[in-house]
Amino acid sequence: MYLSHPINFFRTVNISIPVLKHIASKNADYSEIQRYLIFQHDEYTGKPILDESGRMIPRKEYYVDGINCDPFSFDVEYRELNAQYHKNQDYDDVKSHHYIISFNPKDAEERGLTGERAQQLGMEFARKNLPGHQTVVCTHTDGHNGSGNIHVHIVINSLRENLHQIDLLTPAKRKMTEQEYHTKRRGEKNLKKRNKPLQSEGLTPRKTEFQTQKDFLRAAIDEAAKAAHDLKEFEQILLEKFSIAFKVSRGRFSYLHPDRDKYITERMLGTYYEVDYLLKLSAENSLERNSKE
């Protein structure tokens, strides 16, 4: 994996030149990386630190963001993209590249380096040097086994070709992953099978079109977005008409299907369901209403 002048990048900011470490991994379990980034680990053994109940302990302070993926579901999205293009399927394939940027401890004391600033620098570095990849950037402030030096982890899916890069840099308006596609195909097949006896008797089935949970969310959000004039009204329509809970977290929208206990993020649905697009649509609706009054 080639990085274009990483040292030159850090010379442009008011900090010491950090140490950059690279690890190429053949591990197909991206969830293991995700657990490492979010939960406390013993750096000598590589094993998670557990509490008295045997549960993993979240890190006390960390900052995490994603590029071309959601930082809290990147493990799933990496696997889905690999499956979609039939890449990274063999044992010897390098599944991911892991970069660690370790800053000089003096930068925190003498130059005001914080975890937030380090995260910002990590994001800028990733965008400049790793375009087109699914990337998660996570900053830890605890250092090696509590040593205290700030460092940034950058983990990318190794999959990147010209076609895939275009797909990643131009996100789908209505995104359907490989997993959802196959779920929809199976659902449609099973629905037709169930409806066939009814149709043979001249009866009309109650349901003739299979809809995934994400399909349901997209259709509901489309309808609510057309009618809402502000965010509050948008949230009210989703809840009252479709029983969909809605929340905003770190500037991103997430939606809870009535049959789920885990929110689905805007990125998993497509750009038509993200903050910028929906706020623009509600503003246009409000402007149109005002012009008629």
Protein backbone atom coordinates (compact mmCIF):
# COMPACT_ATOMS: atom_id res chain seq x y z
CA MET A 1 0.00 0.00 0.00
CA TYR A 2 1.56 3.27 -1.15
CA LEU A 3 1.14 6.52 0.75
CA SER A 4 2.02 9.78 -0.96
CA HIS A 5 4.54 11.70 1.13
CA PRO A 6 3.11 11.05 4.64
CA ILE A 7 5.96 12.94 6.30
CA ASN A 8 5.31 16.02 4.18
CA PHE A 9 1.68 15.97 5.30
CA PHE A 10 2.59 16.28 8.98
CA ARG A 11 5.18 18.96 8.31
CA THR A 12 2.31 21.28 7.41
CA VAL A 13 0.81 21.16 10.93
CA ASN A 14 2.21 22.44 14.19
CA ILE A 15 3.22 19.08 15.69
CA SER A 16 6.26 16.80 15.72
CA ILE A 17 6.61 14.22 12.95
CA PRO A 18 4.75 11.16 14.34
CA VAL A 19 5.68 7.49 14.01
CA LEU A 20 3.73 5.72 11.26
CA LYS A 21 3.29 1.96 11.49
CA HIS A 22 1.65 -0.27 8.87
CA ILE A 23 0.11 -3.74 9.34
CA ALA A 24 -1.27 -5.79 6.43
CA SER A 25 -3.86 -8.24 7.76
CA LYS A 26 -5.27 -11.45 6.25
CA ASN A 27 -7.82 -11.74 9.04
CA ALA A 28 -11.33 -11.91 7.55
CA ASP A 29 -12.93 -11.16 10.94
CA TYR A 30 -13.32 -7.39 10.70
CA SER A 31 -15.38 -7.54 13.91
CA GLU A 32 -12.18 -8.33 15.79
CA ILE A 33 -10.71 -5.03 14.62
CA GLN A 34 -13.89 -3.22 15.61
CA ARG A 35 -13.75 -4.68 19.13
CA TYR A 36 -10.11 -3.62 19.47
CA LEU A 37 -10.87 -0.04 18.50
CA ILE A 38 -13.78 0.39 20.90
CA PHE A 39 -12.91 -1.81 23.91
CA GLN A 40 -9.91 -1.90 26.25
CA HIS A 41 -7.19 -4.44 25.38
CA ASP A 42 -3.94 -5.55 26.94
CA GLU A 43 -1.37 -4.44 24.39
CA TYR A 44 1.11 -7.15 25.39
CA THR A 45 -1.25 -10.13 25.03
CA GLY A 46 -3.65 -8.57 22.51
CA LYS A 47 -6.60 -9.85 24.56
CA PRO A 48 -9.57 -7.75 25.69
CA ILE A 49 -9.71 -6.61 29.30
CA LEU A 50 -12.84 -7.94 31.03
CA ASP A 51 -14.80 -6.70 34.04
CA GLU A 52 -15.89 -8.84 36.99
CA SER A 53 -18.82 -10.16 34.96
CA GLY A 54 -16.59 -11.21 32.08
CA ARG A 55 -17.72 -8.41 29.78
CA MET A 56 -15.46 -6.23 27.66
CA ILE A 57 -14.83 -2.73 28.99
CA PRO A 58 -15.29 0.25 26.63
CA ARG A 59 -12.31 2.55 26.26
CA LYS A 60 -12.56 5.62 28.47
CA GLU A 61 -11.91 8.05 25.63
CA TYR A 62 -11.89 7.47 21.91
CA TYR A 63 -12.99 9.26 18.74
CA VAL A 64 -14.22 7.35 15.71
CA ASP A 65 -15.39 8.31 12.21
CA GLY A 66 -15.89 6.53 8.91
CA ILE A 67 -15.11 7.40 5.30
CA ASN A 68 -17.29 5.58 2.73
CA CYS A 69 -18.70 3.48 5.60
CA ASP A 70 -20.39 3.82 8.96
CA PRO A 71 -17.82 3.60 11.79
CA PHE A 72 -20.11 1.43 13.91
CA SER A 73 -21.00 -1.06 11.20
CA PHE A 74 -17.85 -0.99 9.07
CA ASP A 75 -17.17 -4.68 9.78
CA VAL A 76 -20.44 -5.61 8.06
CA GLU A 77 -19.97 -3.13 5.21
CA TYR A 78 -16.42 -4.35 4.47
CA ARG A 79 -17.68 -7.93 4.17
CA GLU A 80 -20.64 -6.91 2.02
CA LEU A 81 -18.47 -5.03 -0.47
CA ASN A 82 -16.06 -7.96 -0.67
CA ALA A 83 -18.95 -10.33 -1.37
CA GLN A 84 -20.47 -7.98 -3.93
CA TYR A 85 -17.30 -7.99 -6.03
CA HIS A 86 -16.13 -11.50 -5.07
CA LYS A 87 -12.88 -10.16 -3.61
CA ASN A 88 -10.94 -10.98 -0.44
CA GLN A 89 -12.45 -14.45 -0.34
CA ASP A 90 -9.22 -16.50 -0.17
CA TYR A 91 -7.20 -17.20 2.96
CA ASP A 92 -4.04 -15.54 1.61
CA ASP A 93 -5.78 -12.36 0.48
CA VAL A 94 -4.82 -9.24 2.43
CA LYS A 95 -8.20 -8.22 3.83
CA SER A 96 -7.27 -4.90 5.39
CA HIS A 97 -4.48 -2.42 5.97
CA HIS A 98 -4.03 -0.98 9.45
CA TYR A 99 -2.04 2.22 9.95
CA ILE A 100 -1.13 3.55 13.39
CA ILE A 101 -0.03 7.18 13.72
CA SER A 102 1.66 7.67 17.11
CA PHE A 103 2.25 11.25 18.21
CA ASN A 104 5.02 12.48 20.47
CA PRO A 105 3.70 12.81 24.08
CA LYS A 106 5.27 16.29 24.21
CA ASP A 107 2.80 17.48 21.56
CA ALA A 108 -0.02 17.25 24.09
CA GLU A 109 1.89 19.23 26.70
CA GLU A 110 3.72 21.74 24.55
CA ARG A 111 1.58 22.13 21.44
CA GLY A 112 -1.94 21.50 22.70
CA LEU A 113 -2.57 18.26 20.84
CA THR A 114 -5.89 16.71 21.93
CA GLY A 115 -7.72 13.55 20.96
CA GLU A 116 -10.15 15.60 18.88
CA ARG A 117 -7.32 17.35 17.01
CA ALA A 118 -5.53 14.05 16.41
CA GLN A 119 -8.76 12.57 15.04
CA GLN A 120 -9.12 15.53 12.68
CA LEU A 121 -5.55 15.05 11.46
CA GLY A 122 -6.17 11.32 11.01
CA MET A 123 -9.24 12.01 8.89
CA GLU A 124 -7.37 14.54 6.74
CA PHE A 125 -4.48 12.11 6.31
CA ALA A 126 -6.82 9.25 5.30
CA ARG A 127 -8.74 11.36 2.77
CA LYS A 128 -5.51 12.59 1.19
CA ASN A 129 -3.62 9.30 1.08
CA LEU A 130 -6.33 6.60 0.92
CA PRO A 131 -9.07 7.82 -1.46
CA GLY A 132 -11.68 5.33 -2.62
CA HIS A 133 -11.35 2.92 0.30
CA GLN A 134 -13.83 2.12 3.02
CA THR A 135 -11.98 3.59 5.97
CA VAL A 136 -12.49 3.83 9.74
CA VAL A 137 -10.42 6.31 11.73
CA CYS A 138 -10.21 5.93 15.51
CA THR A 139 -8.13 7.95 17.95
CA HIS A 140 -7.06 6.60 21.37
CA THR A 141 -5.68 8.85 24.07
CA ASP A 142 -4.56 6.14 26.51
CA GLY A 143 -1.39 5.09 24.71
CA HIS A 144 0.32 1.71 24.92
CA ASN A 145 -1.11 0.04 28.04
CA GLY A 146 -1.97 3.41 29.54
CA SER A 147 1.26 5.21 28.64
CA GLY A 148 -0.76 8.24 27.60
CA ASN A 149 0.53 9.04 24.12
CA ILE A 150 -2.18 9.97 21.64
CA HIS A 151 -2.35 7.74 18.57
CA VAL A 152 -4.68 7.24 15.60
CA HIS A 153 -5.74 3.94 14.07
CA ILE A 154 -6.71 3.96 10.39
CA VAL A 155 -8.17 0.69 9.12
CA ILE A 156 -9.10 0.32 5.45
CA ASN A 157 -10.68 -2.40 3.41
CA SER A 158 -7.98 -3.49 0.97
CA LEU A 159 -10.54 -3.65 -1.85
CA ARG A 160 -10.04 -0.74 -4.20
CA GLU A 161 -10.27 -0.80 -8.00
CA ASN A 162 -11.23 1.92 -10.42
CA LEU A 163 -14.84 0.80 -10.71
CA HIS A 164 -15.19 0.31 -6.98
CA GLN A 165 -13.61 3.65 -6.26
CA ILE A 166 -16.21 5.38 -8.40
CA ASP A 167 -18.97 3.51 -6.59
CA LEU A 168 -17.58 4.52 -3.21
CA LEU A 169 -17.01 8.16 -4.05
CA THR A 170 -20.45 8.48 -5.64
CA PRO A 171 -22.75 6.91 -3.01
CA ALA A 172 -26.07 5.47 -4.13
CA LYS A 173 -29.19 7.57 -3.66
CA ARG A 174 -31.01 4.42 -2.58
CA LYS A 175 -28.39 1.97 -1.42
CA MET A 176 -28.96 -1.79 -1.52
CA THR A 177 -26.20 -4.00 -0.17
CA GLU A 178 -25.43 -7.50 -1.34
CA GLN A 179 -26.99 -8.88 1.84
CA GLU A 180 -30.23 -6.95 1.39
CA TYR A 181 -30.42 -7.94 -2.27
CA HIS A 182 -30.33 -11.64 -1.43
CA THR A 183 -32.77 -11.17 1.46
CA LYS A 184 -35.19 -9.50 -0.94
CA ARG A 185 -34.81 -12.25 -3.54
CA ARG A 186 -35.46 -14.98 -0.95
CA GLY A 187 -38.41 -13.08 0.47
CA GLU A 188 -40.01 -12.60 -2.95
CA LYS A 189 -39.53 -16.27 -3.76
CA ASN A 190 -41.11 -17.42 -0.49
CA LEU A 191 -44.00 -14.95 -0.84
CA LYS A 192 -44.84 -16.21 -4.32
CA LYS A 193 -44.76 -19.76 -3.02
CA ARG A 194 -47.19 -18.91 -0.20
CA ASN A 195 -49.53 -16.96 -2.48
CA LYS A 196 -49.73 -19.58 -5.24
CA PRO A 197 -52.38 -21.82 -3.55
CA LEU A 198 -54.57 -18.78 -2.84
CA GLN A 199 -54.30 -17.49 -6.39
CA SER A 200 -55.12 -20.93 -7.80
CA GLU A 201 -58.41 -20.77 -5.88
CA GLY A 202 -59.21 -17.34 -7.28
CA LEU A 203 -58.40 -15.53 -4.03
CA THR A 204 -56.41 -12.33 -3.76
CA PRO A 205 -53.45 -12.60 -1.35
CA ARG A 206 -53.26 -9.97 1.36
CA LYS A 207 -49.64 -9.25 0.49
CA THR A 208 -48.24 -9.49 -3.01
CA GLU A 209 -44.95 -7.60 -2.71
CA PHE A 210 -42.13 -8.49 -0.35
CA GLN A 211 -40.53 -5.58 1.44
CA THR A 212 -37.30 -5.67 3.43
CA GLN A 213 -37.07 -3.63 6.61
CA LYS A 214 -34.88 -1.14 4.77
CA ASP A 215 -37.46 -0.99 1.94
CA PHE A 216 -40.10 -0.14 4.55
CA LEU A 217 -37.90 2.59 6.03
CA ARG A 218 -37.10 4.11 2.62
CA ALA A 219 -40.76 4.22 1.59
CA ALA A 220 -41.82 5.74 4.91
CA ILE A 221 -39.03 8.32 4.89
CA ASP A 222 -39.84 9.25 1.28
CA GLU A 223 -43.47 9.91 2.25
CA ALA A 224 -42.61 11.80 5.42
CA ALA A 225 -40.00 13.92 3.64
CA LYS A 226 -42.50 14.99 0.97
CA ALA A 227 -44.96 16.21 3.62
CA ALA A 228 -42.71 17.61 6.38
CA HIS A 229 -41.79 21.29 6.58
CA ASP A 230 -39.21 20.90 9.33
CA LEU A 231 -37.35 18.22 11.26
CA LYS A 232 -39.88 18.07 14.08
CA GLU A 233 -42.75 17.43 11.69
CA PHE A 234 -40.66 14.83 9.85
CA GLU A 235 -40.03 12.96 13.12
CA GLN A 236 -43.71 13.19 14.07
CA ILE A 237 -44.92 11.70 10.77
CA LEU A 238 -42.47 8.81 10.99
CA LEU A 239 -43.55 7.95 14.54
CA GLU A 240 -47.31 8.46 14.29
CA LYS A 241 -47.90 7.01 10.84
CA PHE A 242 -45.21 4.34 10.56
CA SER A 243 -44.12 3.69 14.19
CA ILE A 244 -40.54 4.50 13.18
CA ALA A 245 -38.36 6.07 15.84
CA PHE A 246 -35.90 8.69 14.61
CA LYS A 247 -32.77 10.15 16.20
CA VAL A 248 -29.88 12.43 15.37
CA SER A 249 -26.46 11.38 16.66
CA ARG A 250 -23.22 13.21 15.88
CA GLY A 251 -24.87 14.95 12.95
CA ARG A 252 -26.19 11.73 11.39
CA PHE A 253 -29.74 10.43 11.07
CA SER A 254 -30.71 6.95 12.27
CA TYR A 255 -34.03 5.13 12.01
CA LEU A 256 -35.55 2.34 14.10
CA HIS A 257 -37.85 -0.11 12.31
CA PRO A 258 -40.82 -1.09 14.54
CA ASP A 259 -39.70 -4.74 14.48
CA ARG A 260 -36.06 -4.04 15.38
CA ASP A 261 -34.20 -3.06 18.53
CA LYS A 262 -31.20 -1.58 16.72
CA TYR A 263 -31.20 1.62 14.67
CA ILE A 264 -30.32 1.62 10.97
CA THR A 265 -28.07 4.51 9.99
CA GLU A 266 -28.69 6.86 7.10
CA ARG A 267 -25.61 5.57 5.28
CA MET A 268 -27.11 2.08 5.08
CA LEU A 269 -30.15 3.45 3.23
CA GLY A 270 -28.59 5.85 0.72
CA THR A 271 -27.94 9.56 0.24
CA TYR A 272 -31.67 10.36 -0.04
CA TYR A 273 -31.96 9.51 3.67
CA GLU A 274 -29.03 11.56 4.96
CA VAL A 275 -29.05 14.84 6.85
CA ASP A 276 -28.15 17.25 4.04
CA TYR A 277 -30.66 15.94 1.51
CA LEU A 278 -33.60 15.74 3.94
CA LEU A 279 -32.98 19.16 5.46
CA LYS A 280 -32.82 20.64 1.98
CA LEU A 281 -36.09 18.94 1.05
CA SER A 282 -37.90 20.17 4.18
CA ALA A 283 -36.63 23.70 3.53
CA GLU A 284 -38.01 23.53 -0.01
CA ASN A 285 -41.35 22.29 1.34
CA SER A 286 -41.47 25.15 3.84
CA LEU A 287 -40.60 27.70 1.16
CA GLU A 288 -43.32 26.36 -1.13
CA ARG A 289 -45.91 26.54 1.64
CA ASN A 290 -44.95 30.10 2.50
CA SER A 291 -45.21 31.16 -1.13
CA LYS A 292 -48.80 29.90 -1.25
CA GLU A 293 -49.90 31.74 1.87
